[in-house]
N, C-alpha and C. Protein backbone atom coordinates (compact mmCIF):
# COMPACT_ATOMS: atom_id res chain seq x y z
N UNK A 1 -5.69 18.14 6.27
CA UNK A 1 -4.70 16.93 6.09
C UNK A 1 -3.55 17.50 5.92
N UNK A 2 -2.63 16.82 6.16
CA UNK A 2 -1.06 17.10 6.00
C UNK A 2 -0.62 16.99 4.82
N UNK A 3 0.15 17.88 4.28
CA UNK A 3 0.92 17.52 3.28
C UNK A 3 1.84 16.36 2.95
N UNK A 4 2.08 15.77 2.14
CA UNK A 4 3.19 14.51 1.82
C UNK A 4 3.92 14.89 0.70
N UNK A 5 5.03 14.15 0.96
CA UNK A 5 6.43 14.40 0.02
C UNK A 5 6.48 13.23 -0.52
N UNK A 6 6.41 13.15 -1.87
CA UNK A 6 6.94 11.98 -2.51
C UNK A 6 8.24 11.51 -2.42
N UNK A 7 8.59 10.32 -2.11
CA UNK A 7 10.29 10.08 -2.32
C UNK A 7 10.47 9.38 -3.57
N UNK A 8 11.96 9.52 -3.53
CA UNK A 8 12.80 9.48 -4.70
C UNK A 8 12.20 8.12 -5.52
N UNK A 9 12.00 8.42 -6.81
CA UNK A 9 11.42 7.35 -7.87
C UNK A 9 12.18 6.48 -7.95
N UNK A 10 13.77 6.65 -7.73
CA UNK A 10 14.52 5.21 -8.09
C UNK A 10 14.46 4.49 -6.81
N UNK A 11 14.65 5.09 -5.44
CA UNK A 11 14.61 3.94 -4.92
C UNK A 11 13.34 3.75 -4.16
N UNK A 12 12.28 4.60 -4.28
CA UNK A 12 10.84 4.25 -4.01
C UNK A 12 9.64 4.56 -4.87
N UNK A 13 9.74 3.93 -6.09
CA UNK A 13 9.16 3.91 -7.23
C UNK A 13 7.25 3.74 -7.06
N UNK A 14 6.54 4.25 -7.64
CA UNK A 14 5.17 3.94 -7.32
C UNK A 14 5.06 2.51 -8.08
N UNK A 15 4.17 1.61 -7.28
CA UNK A 15 4.04 0.32 -7.61
C UNK A 15 2.76 -0.37 -7.86
N UNK A 16 2.41 -1.26 -8.42
CA UNK A 16 1.18 -1.59 -8.78
C UNK A 16 1.15 -3.19 -8.56
N UNK A 17 0.05 -3.67 -7.91
CA UNK A 17 -0.09 -5.09 -7.81
C UNK A 17 -1.63 -5.43 -8.20
N UNK A 18 -1.58 -6.64 -8.90
CA UNK A 18 -3.09 -7.25 -9.24
C UNK A 18 -3.87 -7.95 -7.83
N UNK A 19 -5.01 -7.82 -7.62
CA UNK A 19 -5.68 -8.68 -6.53
C UNK A 19 -6.94 -9.11 -6.92
N UNK A 20 -7.11 -10.29 -6.51
CA UNK A 20 -8.62 -11.05 -6.74
C UNK A 20 -9.17 -11.27 -5.41
N UNK A 21 -9.79 -12.61 -5.66
CA UNK A 21 -9.68 -13.39 -4.09
C UNK A 21 -8.67 -13.86 -3.36
N UNK A 22 -7.58 -13.68 -4.03
CA UNK A 22 -6.31 -13.88 -3.72
C UNK A 22 -5.57 -12.54 -3.49
N UNK A 23 -4.90 -12.36 -2.21
CA UNK A 23 -4.35 -11.25 -2.16
C UNK A 23 -3.15 -11.15 -3.20
N UNK A 24 -2.68 -9.58 -3.89
CA UNK A 24 -1.92 -9.08 -4.45
C UNK A 24 -0.99 -8.41 -3.64
N UNK A 25 0.37 -8.60 -3.97
CA UNK A 25 1.39 -7.78 -3.02
C UNK A 25 2.41 -7.04 -3.99
N UNK A 26 2.57 -5.84 -3.83
CA UNK A 26 3.79 -4.98 -4.35
C UNK A 26 4.99 -5.72 -4.16
N UNK A 27 5.84 -5.34 -4.81
CA UNK A 27 7.35 -5.63 -4.41
C UNK A 27 7.65 -4.69 -3.28
N UNK A 28 8.60 -5.49 -2.50
CA UNK A 28 8.99 -4.52 -1.09
C UNK A 28 9.85 -3.34 -1.45
N UNK A 29 9.76 -2.79 -0.69
CA UNK A 29 10.37 -1.30 -0.50
C UNK A 29 11.46 -1.48 0.65
N UNK A 30 12.63 -0.82 0.48
CA UNK A 30 13.36 -0.70 1.77
C UNK A 30 12.78 -0.26 2.81
N UNK A 31 13.38 -0.28 4.16
CA UNK A 31 12.51 0.60 5.21
C UNK A 31 12.96 2.01 5.08
N UNK A 32 12.14 2.67 5.80
CA UNK A 32 12.61 4.26 5.63
C UNK A 32 11.36 5.16 5.59
N UNK A 33 10.57 4.90 4.62
CA UNK A 33 9.40 5.89 4.45
C UNK A 33 8.34 6.00 5.68
N UNK A 34 7.74 6.77 6.04
CA UNK A 34 7.02 7.28 6.96
C UNK A 34 5.56 6.75 6.67
N UNK A 35 5.40 6.68 5.40
CA UNK A 35 3.92 6.46 4.85
C UNK A 35 3.92 6.05 3.47
N UNK A 36 2.74 5.70 2.90
CA UNK A 36 2.31 5.31 1.50
C UNK A 36 0.79 5.65 1.19
N UNK A 37 0.98 6.38 0.08
CA UNK A 37 -0.34 6.74 -0.58
C UNK A 37 -0.65 5.58 -1.16
N UNK A 38 -1.78 4.93 -1.06
CA UNK A 38 -2.58 3.90 -1.39
C UNK A 38 -4.06 4.03 -2.20
N UNK A 39 -4.21 3.74 -3.46
CA UNK A 39 -5.51 3.65 -3.98
C UNK A 39 -5.36 2.45 -4.98
N UNK A 40 -6.92 2.09 -5.27
CA UNK A 40 -7.52 1.12 -6.05
C UNK A 40 -8.19 1.33 -6.95
N UNK A 41 -8.49 0.30 -7.95
CA UNK A 41 -9.40 0.52 -9.10
C UNK A 41 -10.84 0.04 -8.50
N UNK A 42 -10.78 -1.01 -7.68
CA UNK A 42 -12.24 -1.60 -6.93
C UNK A 42 -12.03 -1.62 -5.34
N UNK A 43 -12.99 -1.64 -4.94
CA UNK A 43 -12.96 -1.70 -3.26
C UNK A 43 -12.03 -2.98 -2.69
N UNK A 44 -11.31 -2.57 -1.83
CA UNK A 44 -10.28 -3.80 -1.42
C UNK A 44 -9.98 -3.53 -0.09
N UNK A 45 -9.45 -4.61 0.60
CA UNK A 45 -9.07 -4.61 1.89
C UNK A 45 -7.25 -4.55 1.71
N UNK A 46 -6.63 -3.45 2.65
CA UNK A 46 -5.38 -3.05 2.32
C UNK A 46 -4.74 -3.34 3.79
N UNK A 47 -3.32 -4.19 3.28
CA UNK A 47 -2.62 -4.16 4.52
C UNK A 47 -0.97 -3.67 4.42
N UNK A 48 -0.30 -2.94 5.28
CA UNK A 48 0.97 -2.51 4.76
C UNK A 48 1.75 -2.82 5.89
N UNK A 49 3.10 -3.31 5.31
CA UNK A 49 4.17 -3.74 6.38
C UNK A 49 4.91 -4.75 6.20
N UNK A 50 5.94 -5.31 6.98
CA UNK A 50 6.78 -6.25 6.87
C UNK A 50 6.10 -7.53 6.53
N UNK A 51 6.10 -8.15 5.08
CA UNK A 51 5.27 -8.99 5.01
C UNK A 51 3.91 -9.57 5.05
N UNK A 52 3.61 -8.07 4.83
CA UNK A 52 1.88 -7.65 4.91
C UNK A 52 0.98 -8.94 4.00
N UNK A 53 0.05 -9.34 4.33
CA UNK A 53 -0.79 -10.01 3.61
C UNK A 53 -2.37 -9.50 3.83
N UNK A 54 -3.02 -9.20 2.71
CA UNK A 54 -4.48 -8.33 3.20
C UNK A 54 -5.37 -9.46 3.35
N UNK A 55 -6.18 -9.53 4.38
CA UNK A 55 -7.39 -10.33 4.67
C UNK A 55 -8.75 -9.27 4.74
N UNK A 56 -9.70 -10.33 4.86
CA UNK A 56 -11.25 -9.44 4.95
C UNK A 56 -11.17 -8.61 6.30
N UNK A 57 -10.20 -8.78 6.97
CA UNK A 57 -10.39 -8.20 8.54
C UNK A 57 -9.34 -6.83 8.31
N UNK A 58 -8.76 -6.49 6.96
CA UNK A 58 -7.64 -5.50 7.27
C UNK A 58 -8.60 -4.39 6.67
N UNK A 59 -7.65 -3.32 6.42
CA UNK A 59 -8.58 -1.67 6.22
C UNK A 59 -9.40 -1.71 4.96
N UNK A 60 -10.35 -1.56 4.82
CA UNK A 60 -11.45 -1.55 3.90
C UNK A 60 -11.26 0.00 2.77
N UNK A 61 -10.69 -0.07 1.61
CA UNK A 61 -10.36 1.31 1.13
C UNK A 61 -11.24 1.12 -0.14
N UNK A 62 -12.32 2.25 -0.29
CA UNK A 62 -12.85 2.46 -1.32
C UNK A 62 -12.11 2.79 -2.55
N UNK A 63 -12.70 2.09 -3.75
CA UNK A 63 -12.41 2.56 -4.96
C UNK A 63 -12.10 3.95 -5.48
N UNK A 64 -10.94 4.02 -6.21
CA UNK A 64 -10.30 5.21 -6.48
C UNK A 64 -10.52 6.33 -5.77
N UNK A 65 -9.86 6.02 -4.13
CA UNK A 65 -9.58 6.93 -3.40
C UNK A 65 -8.28 6.84 -2.80
N UNK A 66 -7.47 8.10 -3.06
CA UNK A 66 -6.25 7.70 -2.58
C UNK A 66 -6.39 8.13 -0.89
N UNK A 67 -5.50 6.98 -0.19
CA UNK A 67 -5.81 7.12 1.31
C UNK A 67 -4.09 7.16 1.73
N UNK A 68 -3.63 8.18 2.62
CA UNK A 68 -2.06 7.93 3.04
C UNK A 68 -2.31 7.17 4.37
N UNK A 69 -1.31 6.02 4.49
CA UNK A 69 -1.43 5.25 5.45
C UNK A 69 -0.04 5.04 5.81
N UNK A 70 0.15 4.98 7.38
CA UNK A 70 1.67 5.00 8.17
C UNK A 70 1.89 3.84 7.81
N UNK A 71 3.57 3.99 7.28
CA UNK A 71 4.20 2.36 7.24
C UNK A 71 4.32 2.16 8.98
N UNK A 72 3.91 1.04 9.31
CA UNK A 72 4.55 0.76 10.87
C UNK A 72 5.79 0.51 10.95
N UNK A 73 6.46 0.91 11.95
CA UNK A 73 7.59 0.64 12.58
C UNK A 73 7.94 -1.04 12.75
N UNK A 74 8.83 -1.45 12.28
CA UNK A 74 9.15 -3.00 12.24
C UNK A 74 10.58 -2.84 12.67
N UNK A 75 11.14 -4.06 11.90
CA UNK A 75 12.45 -4.49 12.13
C UNK A 75 13.61 -4.03 11.37
N UNK A 76 13.07 -3.16 10.57
CA UNK A 76 13.86 -2.71 9.34
C UNK A 76 14.04 -3.58 8.14
N UNK A 77 13.40 -4.36 8.11
CA UNK A 77 13.42 -5.30 6.84
C UNK A 77 12.54 -4.47 5.72
N UNK A 78 12.46 -5.03 4.81
CA UNK A 78 11.80 -4.27 3.42
C UNK A 78 10.05 -4.71 3.75
N UNK A 79 9.37 -3.91 3.21
CA UNK A 79 7.97 -3.85 3.70
C UNK A 79 7.11 -3.74 2.24
N UNK A 80 5.66 -3.95 2.23
CA UNK A 80 5.12 -3.79 0.91
C UNK A 80 3.50 -3.52 1.30
N UNK A 81 2.85 -3.47 0.53
CA UNK A 81 1.32 -3.16 0.45
C UNK A 81 0.54 -4.65 -0.31
N UNK A 82 -0.24 -4.90 0.37
CA UNK A 82 -0.89 -6.08 -0.17
C UNK A 82 -2.59 -5.64 -0.13
N UNK A 83 -3.23 -6.21 -1.31
CA UNK A 83 -4.47 -5.76 -1.06
C UNK A 83 -5.14 -7.30 -1.52
N UNK A 84 -6.80 -7.29 -1.11
CA UNK A 84 -7.44 -8.43 -1.34
C UNK A 84 -9.03 -7.59 -1.75
N UNK A 85 -9.62 -8.23 -2.83
CA UNK A 85 -10.76 -7.77 -3.28
C UNK A 85 -12.05 -7.91 -2.12
N UNK A 86 -12.74 -6.59 -2.25
CA UNK A 86 -14.08 -6.78 -1.72
C UNK A 86 -15.14 -7.75 -2.12
N UNK A 87 -15.35 -7.17 -3.52
CA UNK A 87 -16.25 -8.14 -4.16
C UNK A 87 -15.75 -8.36 -5.69
N UNK A 88 -14.80 -7.41 -6.11
CA UNK A 88 -14.32 -7.60 -7.51
C UNK A 88 -12.99 -7.15 -7.48
N UNK A 89 -12.13 -8.11 -8.35
CA UNK A 89 -10.50 -7.99 -8.55
C UNK A 89 -10.64 -6.66 -8.90
N UNK A 90 -8.79 -6.20 -8.95
CA UNK A 90 -8.38 -4.81 -9.58
C UNK A 90 -6.72 -4.53 -9.38
N UNK A 91 -6.67 -3.41 -9.57
CA UNK A 91 -5.20 -3.15 -9.40
C UNK A 91 -5.31 -2.28 -7.85
N UNK A 92 -4.19 -2.19 -7.36
CA UNK A 92 -3.44 -1.53 -6.16
C UNK A 92 -2.66 -0.90 -6.64
N UNK A 93 -2.55 0.57 -6.47
CA UNK A 93 -1.15 1.54 -6.44
C UNK A 93 -0.87 2.01 -5.06
N UNK A 94 0.58 1.89 -5.12
CA UNK A 94 1.21 2.75 -3.88
C UNK A 94 2.36 3.41 -4.06
N UNK A 95 2.52 4.61 -3.56
CA UNK A 95 3.55 5.55 -3.48
C UNK A 95 4.20 6.03 -2.10
N UNK A 96 5.37 5.71 -1.94
CA UNK A 96 5.79 5.67 -0.49
C UNK A 96 5.92 7.18 -0.38
N UNK A 97 5.47 8.04 0.88
CA UNK A 97 5.67 9.35 1.04
C UNK A 97 6.44 9.51 2.58
N UNK A 98 6.79 10.87 2.65
CA UNK A 98 6.96 11.16 3.82
C UNK A 98 6.41 12.34 4.60
N UNK A 99 6.09 12.72 5.65
CA UNK A 99 5.22 13.70 6.26
C UNK A 99 6.11 15.25 6.07
N UNK A 100 7.40 15.02 5.43
CA UNK A 100 8.23 16.27 5.59
C UNK A 100 8.19 17.09 4.02
């Protein structure tokens, strides 16, 4: 696995969002990061991108397992992480990173 570099906590702080049967979303970050490390307190579906909203067709993430996800190249608009419960609500945590 390639090592990742956490980005400035000032511009790209770690964020969290609660999720249930309704998707929970982080506050948007500005464009720029290459990826984001995401982990959740329960099994969750995860979506990353501009205006992302997790659905049952999104990436399934097992509980308590940090996973690096590439931030899709978009229009340059702010982006976010969205999570939806698989069977129980929880909290999703996300930290923007770069590969350098």
